[in-house]
Amino acid sequence: MSASLKLAEQYFTYSNQSDMELIATLFNKRSTYYSANLGFFIGKSSIIAMQKAFHEQYTTLKWTIDHIAEIKPDVIKIEFSFNGLLQDGTEQQRQGREHILVYADQIQHVSVGL
């Protein structure tokens, strides 16, 4: 398994733990993040602030990797399932697609929903 695939899996592991400190270690000040639902975020601090706000909406959340592949060197495509319980008790379930670009052993870009 490539280092980029391992890094992408780590990202999902840390996200399932809602561990913002560990998630932050995977990004740098030039990392970018795009979500079809949330828009663009530039830099580690902006990405972590968005992630923190997202995670705080839920009492429980879990992403499951349904399929993962390195489609080009350092470009990871992930198909995932998400299950979460919002603070108001509403359950959410959805499936999605995410691309993670890795550069110099860190996440350079995340694109969710494309």
PDB file of N, CA and C in Angstrom:
ATOM      1  N   MET A   1       0.845  -1.182   0.000  1.00  0.00           N
ATOM      2  CA  MET A   1       0.000   0.000   0.000  1.00  0.00           C
ATOM      3  C   MET A   1       0.890   1.245   0.000  1.00  0.00           C
ATOM      4  N   SER A   2       0.559   2.202  -0.837  1.00  0.00           N
ATOM      5  CA  SER A   2       1.372   3.409  -0.940  1.00  0.00           C
ATOM      6  C   SER A   2       1.205   4.296   0.296  1.00  0.00           C
ATOM      7  N   ALA A   3       2.155   5.186   0.493  1.00  0.00           N
ATOM      8  CA  ALA A   3       2.088   6.136   1.610  1.00  0.00           C
ATOM      9  C   ALA A   3       0.878   7.054   1.463  1.00  0.00           C
ATOM     10  N   SER A   4       0.507   7.397   0.236  1.00  0.00           N
ATOM     11  CA  SER A   4      -0.650   8.266   0.016  1.00  0.00           C
ATOM     12  C   SER A   4      -1.953   7.569   0.391  1.00  0.00           C
ATOM     13  N   LEU A   5      -2.071   6.287   0.050  1.00  0.00           N
ATOM     14  CA  LEU A   5      -3.258   5.523   0.455  1.00  0.00           C
ATOM     15  C   LEU A   5      -3.342   5.434   1.981  1.00  0.00           C
ATOM     16  N   LYS A   6      -2.224   5.190   2.629  1.00  0.00           N
ATOM     17  CA  LYS A   6      -2.199   5.121   4.096  1.00  0.00           C
ATOM     18  C   LYS A   6      -2.620   6.449   4.714  1.00  0.00           C
ATOM     19  N   LEU A   7      -2.137   7.549   4.141  1.00  0.00           N
ATOM     20  CA  LEU A   7      -2.485   8.870   4.647  1.00  0.00           C
ATOM     21  C   LEU A   7      -3.988   9.131   4.518  1.00  0.00           C
ATOM     22  N   ALA A   8      -4.570   8.753   3.392  1.00  0.00           N
ATOM     23  CA  ALA A   8      -6.009   8.935   3.187  1.00  0.00           C
ATOM     24  C   ALA A   8      -6.803   8.107   4.196  1.00  0.00           C
ATOM     25  N   GLU A   9      -6.366   6.879   4.442  1.00  0.00           N
ATOM     26  CA  GLU A   9      -7.048   6.045   5.438  1.00  0.00           C
ATOM     27  C   GLU A   9      -6.901   6.634   6.843  1.00  0.00           C
ATOM     28  N   GLN A  10      -5.730   7.187   7.131  1.00  0.00           N
ATOM     29  CA  GLN A  10      -5.504   7.852   8.425  1.00  0.00           C
ATOM     30  C   GLN A  10      -6.487   9.003   8.604  1.00  0.00           C
ATOM     31  N   TYR A  11      -6.678   9.775   7.557  1.00  0.00           N
ATOM     32  CA  TYR A  11      -7.603  10.906   7.590  1.00  0.00           C
ATOM     33  C   TYR A  11      -9.003  10.439   7.993  1.00  0.00           C
ATOM     34  N   PHE A  12      -9.455   9.350   7.419  1.00  0.00           N
ATOM     35  CA  PHE A  12     -10.780   8.825   7.769  1.00  0.00           C
ATOM     36  C   PHE A  12     -10.794   8.297   9.209  1.00  0.00           C
ATOM     37  N   THR A  13      -9.731   7.643   9.622  1.00  0.00           N
ATOM     38  CA  THR A  13      -9.642   7.145  11.000  1.00  0.00           C
ATOM     39  C   THR A  13      -9.726   8.302  11.988  1.00  0.00           C
ATOM     40  N   TYR A  14      -8.931   9.341  11.780  1.00  0.00           N
ATOM     41  CA  TYR A  14      -8.940  10.502  12.672  1.00  0.00           C
ATOM     42  C   TYR A  14     -10.286  11.216  12.635  1.00  0.00           C
ATOM     43  N   SER A  15     -10.907  11.273  11.454  1.00  0.00           N
ATOM     44  CA  SER A  15     -12.221  11.904  11.334  1.00  0.00           C
ATOM     45  C   SER A  15     -13.272  11.127  12.128  1.00  0.00           C
ATOM     46  N   ASN A  16     -13.204   9.806  12.078  1.00  0.00           N
ATOM     47  CA  ASN A  16     -14.144   8.990  12.851  1.00  0.00           C
ATOM     48  C   ASN A  16     -13.943   9.162  14.356  1.00  0.00           C
ATOM     49  N   GLN A  17     -12.758   9.575  14.760  1.00  0.00           N
ATOM     50  CA  GLN A  17     -12.472   9.845  16.166  1.00  0.00           C
ATOM     51  C   GLN A  17     -12.768  11.301  16.528  1.00  0.00           C
ATOM     52  N   SER A  18     -13.111  12.120  15.536  1.00  0.00           N
ATOM     53  CA  SER A  18     -13.309  13.566  15.719  1.00  0.00           C
ATOM     54  C   SER A  18     -12.105  14.201  16.410  1.00  0.00           C
ATOM     55  N   ASP A  19     -10.918  13.736  16.061  1.00  0.00           N
ATOM     56  CA  ASP A  19      -9.688  14.205  16.692  1.00  0.00           C
ATOM     57  C   ASP A  19      -9.069  15.323  15.844  1.00  0.00           C
ATOM     58  N   MET A  20      -9.455  16.558  16.156  1.00  0.00           N
ATOM     59  CA  MET A  20      -9.003  17.701  15.364  1.00  0.00           C
ATOM     60  C   MET A  20      -7.488  17.886  15.412  1.00  0.00           C
ATOM     61  N   GLU A  21      -6.871  17.576  16.535  1.00  0.00           N
ATOM     62  CA  GLU A  21      -5.409  17.723  16.618  1.00  0.00           C
ATOM     63  C   GLU A  21      -4.707  16.782  15.653  1.00  0.00           C
ATOM     64  N   LEU A  22      -5.159  15.532  15.587  1.00  0.00           N
ATOM     65  CA  LEU A  22      -4.536  14.588  14.661  1.00  0.00           C
ATOM     66  C   LEU A  22      -4.882  14.916  13.216  1.00  0.00           C
ATOM     67  N   ILE A  23      -6.127  15.319  12.961  1.00  0.00           N
ATOM     68  CA  ILE A  23      -6.505  15.727  11.601  1.00  0.00           C
ATOM     69  C   ILE A  23      -5.605  16.870  11.149  1.00  0.00           C
ATOM     70  N   ALA A  24      -5.363  17.831  12.024  1.00  0.00           N
ATOM     71  CA  ALA A  24      -4.548  18.997  11.679  1.00  0.00           C
ATOM     72  C   ALA A  24      -3.133  18.609  11.257  1.00  0.00           C
ATOM     73  N   THR A  25      -2.602  17.512  11.807  1.00  0.00           N
ATOM     74  CA  THR A  25      -1.246  17.099  11.437  1.00  0.00           C
ATOM     75  C   THR A  25      -1.151  16.667   9.980  1.00  0.00           C
ATOM     76  N   LEU A  26      -2.271  16.375   9.364  1.00  0.00           N
ATOM     77  CA  LEU A  26      -2.285  15.882   7.986  1.00  0.00           C
ATOM     78  C   LEU A  26      -2.305  17.013   6.954  1.00  0.00           C
ATOM     79  N   PHE A  27      -2.589  18.244   7.412  1.00  0.00           N
ATOM     80  CA  PHE A  27      -2.709  19.399   6.522  1.00  0.00           C
ATOM     81  C   PHE A  27      -1.569  20.388   6.778  1.00  0.00           C
ATOM     82  N   ASN A  28      -1.407  21.339   5.854  1.00  0.00           N
ATOM     83  CA  ASN A  28      -0.448  22.421   6.051  1.00  0.00           C
ATOM     84  C   ASN A  28      -1.110  23.757   5.722  1.00  0.00           C
ATOM     85  N   LYS A  29      -0.370  24.829   5.871  1.00  0.00           N
ATOM     86  CA  LYS A  29      -0.966  26.163   5.695  1.00  0.00           C
ATOM     87  C   LYS A  29      -1.394  26.446   4.255  1.00  0.00           C
ATOM     88  N   ARG A  30      -0.971  25.605   3.322  1.00  0.00           N
ATOM     89  CA  ARG A  30      -1.347  25.795   1.916  1.00  0.00           C
ATOM     90  C   ARG A  30      -2.348  24.748   1.419  1.00  0.00           C
ATOM     91  N   SER A  31      -2.788  23.883   2.296  1.00  0.00           N
ATOM     92  CA  SER A  31      -3.781  22.873   1.921  1.00  0.00           C
ATOM     93  C   SER A  31      -5.099  23.564   1.586  1.00  0.00           C
ATOM     94  N   THR A  32      -5.857  22.908   0.711  1.00  0.00           N
ATOM     95  CA  THR A  32      -7.173  23.428   0.333  1.00  0.00           C
ATOM     96  C   THR A  32      -8.202  22.318   0.458  1.00  0.00           C
ATOM     97  N   TYR A  33      -9.469  22.733   0.607  1.00  0.00           N
ATOM     98  CA  TYR A  33     -10.568  21.792   0.809  1.00  0.00           C
ATOM     99  C   TYR A  33     -11.771  22.353   0.071  1.00  0.00           C
ATOM    100  N   TYR A  34     -12.440  21.482  -0.670  1.00  0.00           N
ATOM    101  CA  TYR A  34     -13.675  21.886  -1.349  1.00  0.00           C
ATOM    102  C   TYR A  34     -14.751  20.848  -1.084  1.00  0.00           C
ATOM    103  N   SER A  35     -15.916  21.317  -0.725  1.00  0.00           N
ATOM    104  CA  SER A  35     -17.087  20.466  -0.567  1.00  0.00           C
ATOM    105  C   SER A  35     -18.218  21.074  -1.378  1.00  0.00           C
ATOM    106  N   ALA A  36     -18.921  20.242  -2.121  1.00  0.00           N
ATOM    107  CA  ALA A  36     -20.057  20.726  -2.906  1.00  0.00           C
ATOM    108  C   ALA A  36     -21.103  21.374  -1.992  1.00  0.00           C
ATOM    109  N   ASN A  37     -21.185  20.932  -0.730  1.00  0.00           N
ATOM    110  CA  ASN A  37     -22.160  21.486   0.212  1.00  0.00           C
ATOM    111  C   ASN A  37     -21.639  22.683   0.998  1.00  0.00           C
ATOM    112  N   LEU A  38     -20.332  22.732   1.257  1.00  0.00           N
ATOM    113  CA  LEU A  38     -19.791  23.744   2.167  1.00  0.00           C
ATOM    114  C   LEU A  38     -18.930  24.803   1.494  1.00  0.00           C
ATOM    115  N   GLY A  39     -18.447  24.540   0.291  1.00  0.00           N
ATOM    116  CA  GLY A  39     -17.628  25.512  -0.407  1.00  0.00           C
ATOM    117  C   GLY A  39     -16.136  25.281  -0.228  1.00  0.00           C
ATOM    118  N   PHE A  40     -15.353  26.366  -0.400  1.00  0.00           N
ATOM    119  CA  PHE A  40     -13.895  26.300  -0.388  1.00  0.00           C
ATOM    120  C   PHE A  40     -13.327  26.739   0.967  1.00  0.00           C
ATOM    121  N   PHE A  41     -12.226  26.100   1.358  1.00  0.00           N
ATOM    122  CA  PHE A  41     -11.486  26.454   2.566  1.00  0.00           C
ATOM    123  C   PHE A  41     -10.006  26.403   2.222  1.00  0.00           C
ATOM    124  N   ILE A  42      -9.272  27.426   2.638  1.00  0.00           N
ATOM    125  CA  ILE A  42      -7.859  27.529   2.295  1.00  0.00           C
ATOM    126  C   ILE A  42      -7.034  27.603   3.569  1.00  0.00           C
ATOM    127  N   GLY A  43      -6.086  26.682   3.696  1.00  0.00           N
ATOM    128  CA  GLY A  43      -5.187  26.659   4.840  1.00  0.00           C
ATOM    129  C   GLY A  43      -5.682  25.774   5.973  1.00  0.00           C
ATOM    130  N   LYS A  44      -4.725  25.243   6.714  1.00  0.00           N
ATOM    131  CA  LYS A  44      -5.020  24.322   7.810  1.00  0.00           C
ATOM    132  C   LYS A  44      -6.023  24.907   8.802  1.00  0.00           C
ATOM    133  N   SER A  45      -5.825  26.145   9.240  1.00  0.00           N
ATOM    134  CA  SER A  45      -6.692  26.705  10.276  1.00  0.00           C
ATOM    135  C   SER A  45      -8.135  26.832   9.794  1.00  0.00           C
ATOM    136  N   SER A  46      -8.328  27.215   8.549  1.00  0.00           N
ATOM    137  CA  SER A  46      -9.672  27.327   7.991  1.00  0.00           C
ATOM    138  C   SER A  46     -10.330  25.949   7.841  1.00  0.00           C
ATOM    139  N   ILE A  47      -9.567  24.988   7.391  1.00  0.00           N
ATOM    140  CA  ILE A  47     -10.078  23.622   7.223  1.00  0.00           C
ATOM    141  C   ILE A  47     -10.462  23.031   8.573  1.00  0.00           C
ATOM    142  N   ILE A  48      -9.624  23.193   9.575  1.00  0.00           N
ATOM    143  CA  ILE A  48      -9.902  22.629  10.887  1.00  0.00           C
ATOM    144  C   ILE A  48     -11.095  23.329  11.538  1.00  0.00           C
ATOM    145  N   ALA A  49     -11.221  24.641  11.386  1.00  0.00           N
ATOM    146  CA  ALA A  49     -12.376  25.364  11.929  1.00  0.00           C
ATOM    147  C   ALA A  49     -13.670  24.829  11.312  1.00  0.00           C
ATOM    148  N   MET A  50     -13.676  24.602   9.998  1.00  0.00           N
ATOM    149  CA  MET A  50     -14.850  24.054   9.327  1.00  0.00           C
ATOM    150  C   MET A  50     -15.138  22.653   9.844  1.00  0.00           C
ATOM    151  N   GLN A  51     -14.102  21.822   9.956  1.00  0.00           N
ATOM    152  CA  GLN A  51     -14.301  20.447  10.402  1.00  0.00           C
ATOM    153  C   GLN A  51     -14.828  20.410  11.838  1.00  0.00           C
ATOM    154  N   LYS A  52     -14.284  21.264  12.691  1.00  0.00           N
ATOM    155  CA  LYS A  52     -14.728  21.327  14.083  1.00  0.00           C
ATOM    156  C   LYS A  52     -16.215  21.682  14.151  1.00  0.00           C
ATOM    157  N   ALA A  53     -16.620  22.699  13.399  1.00  0.00           N
ATOM    158  CA  ALA A  53     -18.030  23.100  13.369  1.00  0.00           C
ATOM    159  C   ALA A  53     -18.912  21.964  12.843  1.00  0.00           C
ATOM    160  N   PHE A  54     -18.441  21.253  11.821  1.00  0.00           N
ATOM    161  CA  PHE A  54     -19.202  20.131  11.270  1.00  0.00           C
ATOM    162  C   PHE A  54     -19.365  19.030  12.314  1.00  0.00           C
ATOM    163  N   HIS A  55     -18.278  18.621  12.933  1.00  0.00           N
ATOM    164  CA  HIS A  55     -18.315  17.534  13.907  1.00  0.00           C
ATOM    165  C   HIS A  55     -19.182  17.885  15.118  1.00  0.00           C
ATOM    166  N   GLU A  56     -19.193  19.154  15.527  1.00  0.00           N
ATOM    167  CA  GLU A  56     -19.969  19.565  16.697  1.00  0.00           C
ATOM    168  C   GLU A  56     -21.473  19.490  16.477  1.00  0.00           C
ATOM    169  N   GLN A  57     -21.919  19.362  15.229  1.00  0.00           N
ATOM    170  CA  GLN A  57     -23.341  19.214  14.927  1.00  0.00           C
ATOM    171  C   GLN A  57     -23.876  17.834  15.304  1.00  0.00           C
ATOM    172  N   TYR A  58     -22.975  16.877  15.532  1.00  0.00           N
ATOM    173  CA  TYR A  58     -23.346  15.472  15.703  1.00  0.00           C
ATOM    174  C   TYR A  58     -23.019  14.961  17.106  1.00  0.00           C
ATOM    175  N   THR A  59     -23.872  14.053  17.580  1.00  0.00           N
ATOM    176  CA  THR A  59     -23.540  13.326  18.813  1.00  0.00           C
ATOM    177  C   THR A  59     -22.707  12.105  18.466  1.00  0.00           C
ATOM    178  N   THR A  60     -22.955  11.521  17.297  1.00  0.00           N
ATOM    179  CA  THR A  60     -22.132  10.429  16.772  1.00  0.00           C
ATOM    180  C   THR A  60     -22.017  10.602  15.257  1.00  0.00           C
ATOM    181  N   LEU A  61     -20.891  10.178  14.724  1.00  0.00           N
ATOM    182  CA  LEU A  61     -20.706  10.175  13.271  1.00  0.00           C
ATOM    183  C   LEU A  61     -19.675   9.136  12.899  1.00  0.00           C
ATOM    184  N   LYS A  62     -19.831   8.606  11.684  1.00  0.00           N
ATOM    185  CA  LYS A  62     -18.894   7.583  11.219  1.00  0.00           C
ATOM    186  C   LYS A  62     -18.902   7.546   9.704  1.00  0.00           C
ATOM    187  N   TRP A  63     -17.692   7.580   9.159  1.00  0.00           N
ATOM    188  CA  TRP A  63     -17.494   7.372   7.733  1.00  0.00           C
ATOM    189  C   TRP A  63     -16.948   5.962   7.538  1.00  0.00           C
ATOM    190  N   THR A  64     -17.463   5.271   6.536  1.00  0.00           N
ATOM    191  CA  THR A  64     -16.950   3.956   6.158  1.00  0.00           C
ATOM    192  C   THR A  64     -16.421   4.062   4.734  1.00  0.00           C
ATOM    193  N   ILE A  65     -15.203   3.614   4.523  1.00  0.00           N
ATOM    194  CA  ILE A  65     -14.636   3.594   3.180  1.00  0.00           C
ATOM    195  C   ILE A  65     -15.195   2.370   2.459  1.00  0.00           C
ATOM    196  N   ASP A  66     -15.985   2.620   1.419  1.00  0.00           N
ATOM    197  CA  ASP A  66     -16.560   1.532   0.633  1.00  0.00           C
ATOM    198  C   ASP A  66     -15.604   1.079  -0.464  1.00  0.00           C
ATOM    199  N   HIS A  67     -14.838   2.025  -0.997  1.00  0.00           N
ATOM    200  CA  HIS A  67     -13.850   1.712  -2.027  1.00  0.00           C
ATOM    201  C   HIS A  67     -12.782   2.798  -2.000  1.00  0.00           C
ATOM    202  N   ILE A  68     -11.540   2.381  -2.136  1.00  0.00           N
ATOM    203  CA  ILE A  68     -10.427   3.332  -2.161  1.00  0.00           C
ATOM    204  C   ILE A  68      -9.436   2.880  -3.231  1.00  0.00           C
ATOM    205  N   ALA A  69      -8.926   3.852  -3.998  1.00  0.00           N
ATOM    206  CA  ALA A  69      -7.957   3.531  -5.053  1.00  0.00           C
ATOM    207  C   ALA A  69      -7.064   4.737  -5.301  1.00  0.00           C
ATOM    208  N   GLU A  70      -5.826   4.460  -5.630  1.00  0.00           N
ATOM    209  CA  GLU A  70      -4.906   5.506  -6.057  1.00  0.00           C
ATOM    210  C   GLU A  70      -5.009   5.562  -7.579  1.00  0.00           C
ATOM    211  N   ILE A  71      -5.751   6.564  -8.069  1.00  0.00           N
ATOM    212  CA  ILE A  71      -6.065   6.609  -9.497  1.00  0.00           C
ATOM    213  C   ILE A  71      -4.921   7.191 -10.329  1.00  0.00           C
ATOM    214  N   LYS A  72      -4.042   7.940  -9.701  1.00  0.00           N
ATOM    215  CA  LYS A  72      -2.788   8.450 -10.254  1.00  0.00           C
ATOM    216  C   LYS A  72      -1.844   8.536  -9.062  1.00  0.00           C
ATOM    217  N   PRO A  73      -0.563   8.640  -9.294  1.00  0.00           N
ATOM    218  CA  PRO A  73       0.331   8.791  -8.138  1.00  0.00           C
ATOM    219  C   PRO A  73      -0.104   9.966  -7.255  1.00  0.00           C
ATOM    220  N   ASP A  74      -0.332   9.682  -5.969  1.00  0.00           N
ATOM    221  CA  ASP A  74      -0.702  10.681  -4.960  1.00  0.00           C
ATOM    222  C   ASP A  74      -2.097  11.272  -5.142  1.00  0.00           C
ATOM    223  N   VAL A  75      -2.942  10.644  -5.941  1.00  0.00           N
ATOM    224  CA  VAL A  75      -4.339  11.067  -6.102  1.00  0.00           C
ATOM    225  C   VAL A  75      -5.223   9.893  -5.697  1.00  0.00           C
ATOM    226  N   ILE A  76      -5.921  10.072  -4.581  1.00  0.00           N
ATOM    227  CA  ILE A  76      -6.725   9.000  -4.000  1.00  0.00           C
ATOM    228  C   ILE A  76      -8.202   9.291  -4.219  1.00  0.00           C
ATOM    229  N   LYS A  77      -8.917   8.300  -4.719  1.00  0.00           N
ATOM    230  CA  LYS A  77     -10.369   8.401  -4.898  1.00  0.00           C
ATOM    231  C   LYS A  77     -11.018   7.471  -3.882  1.00  0.00           C
ATOM    232  N   ILE A  78     -11.963   8.025  -3.124  1.00  0.00           N
ATOM    233  CA  ILE A  78     -12.643   7.250  -2.074  1.00  0.00           C
ATOM    234  C   ILE A  78     -14.142   7.361  -2.275  1.00  0.00           C
ATOM    235  N   GLU A  79     -14.799   6.225  -2.252  1.00  0.00           N
ATOM    236  CA  GLU A  79     -16.256   6.183  -2.177  1.00  0.00           C
ATOM    237  C   GLU A  79     -16.571   5.799  -0.743  1.00  0.00           C
ATOM    238  N   PHE A  80     -17.459   6.570  -0.106  1.00  0.00           N
ATOM    239  CA  PHE A  80     -17.703   6.360   1.315  1.00  0.00           C
ATOM    240  C   PHE A  80     -19.188   6.368   1.645  1.00  0.00           C
ATOM    241  N   SER A  81     -19.495   5.834   2.817  1.00  0.00           N
ATOM    242  CA  SER A  81     -20.824   5.929   3.414  1.00  0.00           C
ATOM    243  C   SER A  81     -20.677   6.718   4.701  1.00  0.00           C
ATOM    244  N   PHE A  82     -21.667   7.544   5.001  1.00  0.00           N
ATOM    245  CA  PHE A  82     -21.650   8.352   6.215  1.00  0.00           C
ATOM    246  C   PHE A  82     -22.924   8.081   7.007  1.00  0.00           C
ATOM    247  N   ASN A  83     -22.754   7.890   8.299  1.00  0.00           N
ATOM    248  CA  ASN A  83     -23.881   7.771   9.224  1.00  0.00           C
ATOM    249  C   ASN A  83     -23.623   8.703  10.388  1.00  0.00           C
ATOM    250  N   GLY A  84     -24.608   9.523  10.720  1.00  0.00           N
ATOM    251  CA  GLY A  84     -24.442  10.439  11.837  1.00  0.00           C
ATOM    252  C   GLY A  84     -25.757  10.700  12.537  1.00  0.00           C
ATOM    253  N   LEU A  85     -25.650  11.039  13.804  1.00  0.00           N
ATOM    254  CA  LEU A  85     -26.812  11.412  14.602  1.00  0.00           C
ATOM    255  C   LEU A  85     -26.623  12.862  15.030  1.00  0.00           C
ATOM    256  N   LEU A  86     -27.476  13.742  14.488  1.00  0.00           N
ATOM    257  CA  LEU A  86     -27.388  15.157  14.807  1.00  0.00           C
ATOM    258  C   LEU A  86     -27.767  15.409  16.267  1.00  0.00           C
ATOM    259  N   GLN A  87     -27.372  16.568  16.777  1.00  0.00           N
ATOM    260  CA  GLN A  87     -27.665  16.936  18.159  1.00  0.00           C
ATOM    261  C   GLN A  87     -29.162  16.887  18.463  1.00  0.00           C
ATOM    262  N   ASP A  88     -30.020  17.159  17.461  1.00  0.00           N
ATOM    263  CA  ASP A  88     -31.468  17.140  17.683  1.00  0.00           C
ATOM    264  C   ASP A  88     -32.078  15.746  17.555  1.00  0.00           C
ATOM    265  N   GLY A  89     -31.232  14.728  17.340  1.00  0.00           N
ATOM    266  CA  GLY A  89     -31.709  13.355  17.247  1.00  0.00           C
ATOM    267  C   GLY A  89     -31.992  12.868  15.835  1.00  0.00           C
ATOM    268  N   THR A  90     -31.858  13.730  14.847  1.00  0.00           N
ATOM    269  CA  THR A  90     -32.084  13.349  13.460  1.00  0.00           C
ATOM    270  C   THR A  90     -30.925  12.488  12.971  1.00  0.00           C
ATOM    271  N   GLU A  91     -31.274  11.357  12.357  1.00  0.00           N
ATOM    272  CA  GLU A  91     -30.246  10.481  11.809  1.00  0.00           C
ATOM    273  C   GLU A  91     -29.980  10.857  10.359  1.00  0.00           C
ATOM    274  N   GLN A  92     -28.719  10.875   9.982  1.00  0.00           N
ATOM    275  CA  GLN A  92     -28.334  11.148   8.598  1.00  0.00           C
ATOM    276  C   GLN A  92     -27.538   9.972   8.054  1.00  0.00           C
ATOM    277  N   GLN A  93     -27.877   9.601   6.836  1.00  0.00           N
ATOM    278  CA  GLN A  93     -27.132   8.568   6.120  1.00  0.00           C
ATOM    279  C   GLN A  93     -26.963   9.041   4.688  1.00  0.00           C
ATOM    280  N   ARG A  94     -25.752   8.916   4.182  1.00  0.00           N
ATOM    281  CA  ARG A  94     -25.526   9.276   2.787  1.00  0.00           C
ATOM    282  C   ARG A  94     -24.258   8.592   2.286  1.00  0.00           C
ATOM    283  N   GLN A  95     -24.139   8.588   0.990  1.00  0.00           N
ATOM    284  CA  GLN A  95     -22.941   8.072   0.353  1.00  0.00           C
ATOM    285  C   GLN A  95     -22.328   9.205  -0.445  1.00  0.00           C
ATOM    286  N   GLY A  96     -21.017   9.144  -0.624  1.00  0.00           N
ATOM    287  CA  GLY A  96     -20.360  10.206  -1.360  1.00  0.00           C
ATOM    288  C   GLY A  96     -19.040   9.758  -1.943  1.00  0.00           C
ATOM    289  N   ARG A  97     -18.411  10.706  -2.593  1.00  0.00           N
ATOM    290  CA  ARG A  97     -17.120  10.472  -3.230  1.00  0.00           C
ATOM    291  C   ARG A  97     -16.183  11.600  -2.812  1.00  0.00           C
ATOM    292  N   GLU A  98     -14.941  11.243  -2.599  1.00  0.00           N
ATOM    293  CA  GLU A  98     -13.942  12.210  -2.163  1.00  0.00           C
ATOM    294  C   GLU A  98     -12.639  11.926  -2.896  1.00  0.00           C
ATOM    295  N   HIS A  99     -11.971  12.993  -3.289  1.00  0.00           N
ATOM    296  CA  HIS A  99     -10.634  12.880  -3.864  1.00  0.00           C
ATOM    297  C   HIS A  99      -9.666  13.570  -2.916  1.00  0.00           C
ATOM    298  N   ILE A 100      -8.557  12.921  -2.634  1.00  0.00           N
ATOM    299  CA  ILE A 100      -7.519  13.472  -1.773  1.00  0.00           C
ATOM    300  C   ILE A 100      -6.221  13.510  -2.569  1.00  0.00           C
ATOM    301  N   LEU A 101      -5.630  14.691  -2.657  1.00  0.00           N
ATOM    302  CA  LEU A 101      -4.342  14.866  -3.331  1.00  0.00           C
ATOM    303  C   LEU A 101      -3.273  15.016  -2.260  1.00  0.00           C
ATOM    304  N   VAL A 102      -2.223  14.239  -2.393  1.00  0.00           N
ATOM    305  CA  VAL A 102      -1.146  14.228  -1.401  1.00  0.00           C
ATOM    306  C   VAL A 102       0.110  14.811  -2.024  1.00  0.00           C
ATOM    307  N   TYR A 103       0.794  15.656  -1.250  1.00  0.00           N
ATOM    308  CA  TYR A 103       2.070  16.224  -1.683  1.00  0.00           C
ATOM    309  C   TYR A 103       2.970  16.342  -0.455  1.00  0.00           C
ATOM    310  N   ALA A 104       4.181  15.852  -0.571  1.00  0.00           N
ATOM    311  CA  ALA A 104       5.173  15.935   0.516  1.00  0.00           C
ATOM    312  C   ALA A 104       4.614  15.356   1.817  1.00  0.00           C
ATOM    313  N   ASP A 105       3.950  14.218   1.712  1.00  0.00           N
ATOM    314  CA  ASP A 105       3.442  13.479   2.866  1.00  0.00           C
ATOM    315  C   ASP A 105       2.386  14.225   3.671  1.00  0.00           C
ATOM    316  N   GLN A 106       1.671  15.142   3.032  1.00  0.00           N
ATOM    317  CA  GLN A 106       0.550  15.805   3.678  1.00  0.00           C
ATOM    318  C   GLN A 106      -0.578  15.933   2.665  1.00  0.00           C
ATOM    319  N   ILE A 107      -1.772  16.168   3.176  1.00  0.00           N
ATOM    320  CA  ILE A 107      -2.915  16.377   2.291  1.00  0.00           C
ATOM    321  C   ILE A 107      -2.802  17.772   1.705  1.00  0.00           C
ATOM    322  N   GLN A 108      -2.712  17.823   0.389  1.00  0.00           N
ATOM    323  CA  GLN A 108      -2.644  19.107  -0.321  1.00  0.00           C
ATOM    324  C   GLN A 108      -4.036  19.629  -0.625  1.00  0.00           C
ATOM    325  N   HIS A 109      -4.938  18.707  -1.013  1.00  0.00           N
ATOM    326  CA  HIS A 109      -6.297  19.132  -1.379  1.00  0.00           C
ATOM    327  C   HIS A 109      -7.267  17.981  -1.120  1.00  0.00           C
ATOM    328  N   VAL A 110      -8.459  18.361  -0.658  1.00  0.00           N
ATOM    329  CA  VAL A 110      -9.580  17.427  -0.517  1.00  0.00           C
ATOM    330  C   VAL A 110     -10.728  18.000  -1.324  1.00  0.00           C
ATOM    331  N   SER A 111     -11.362  17.142  -2.105  1.00  0.00           N
ATOM    332  CA  SER A 111     -12.546  17.535  -2.871  1.00  0.00           C
ATOM    333  C   SER A 111     -13.642  16.527  -2.561  1.00  0.00           C
ATOM    334  N   VAL A 112     -14.726  16.998  -1.969  1.00  0.00           N
ATOM    335  CA  VAL A 112     -15.834  16.124  -1.575  1.00  0.00           C
ATOM    336  C   VAL A 112     -17.028  16.395  -2.472  1.00  0.00           C
ATOM    337  N   GLY A 113     -17.593  15.332  -3.011  1.00  0.00           N
ATOM    338  CA  GLY A 113     -18.810  15.462  -3.775  1.00  0.00           C
ATOM    339  C   GLY A 113     -18.612  15.541  -5.268  1.00  0.00           C
ATOM    340  N   LEU A 114     -17.397  15.327  -5.737  1.00  0.00           N
ATOM    341  CA  LEU A 114     -17.155  15.362  -7.180  1.00  0.00           C
ATOM    342  C   LEU A 114     -16.759  14.004  -7.688  1.00  0.00           C
TER     343      LEU A 114
END
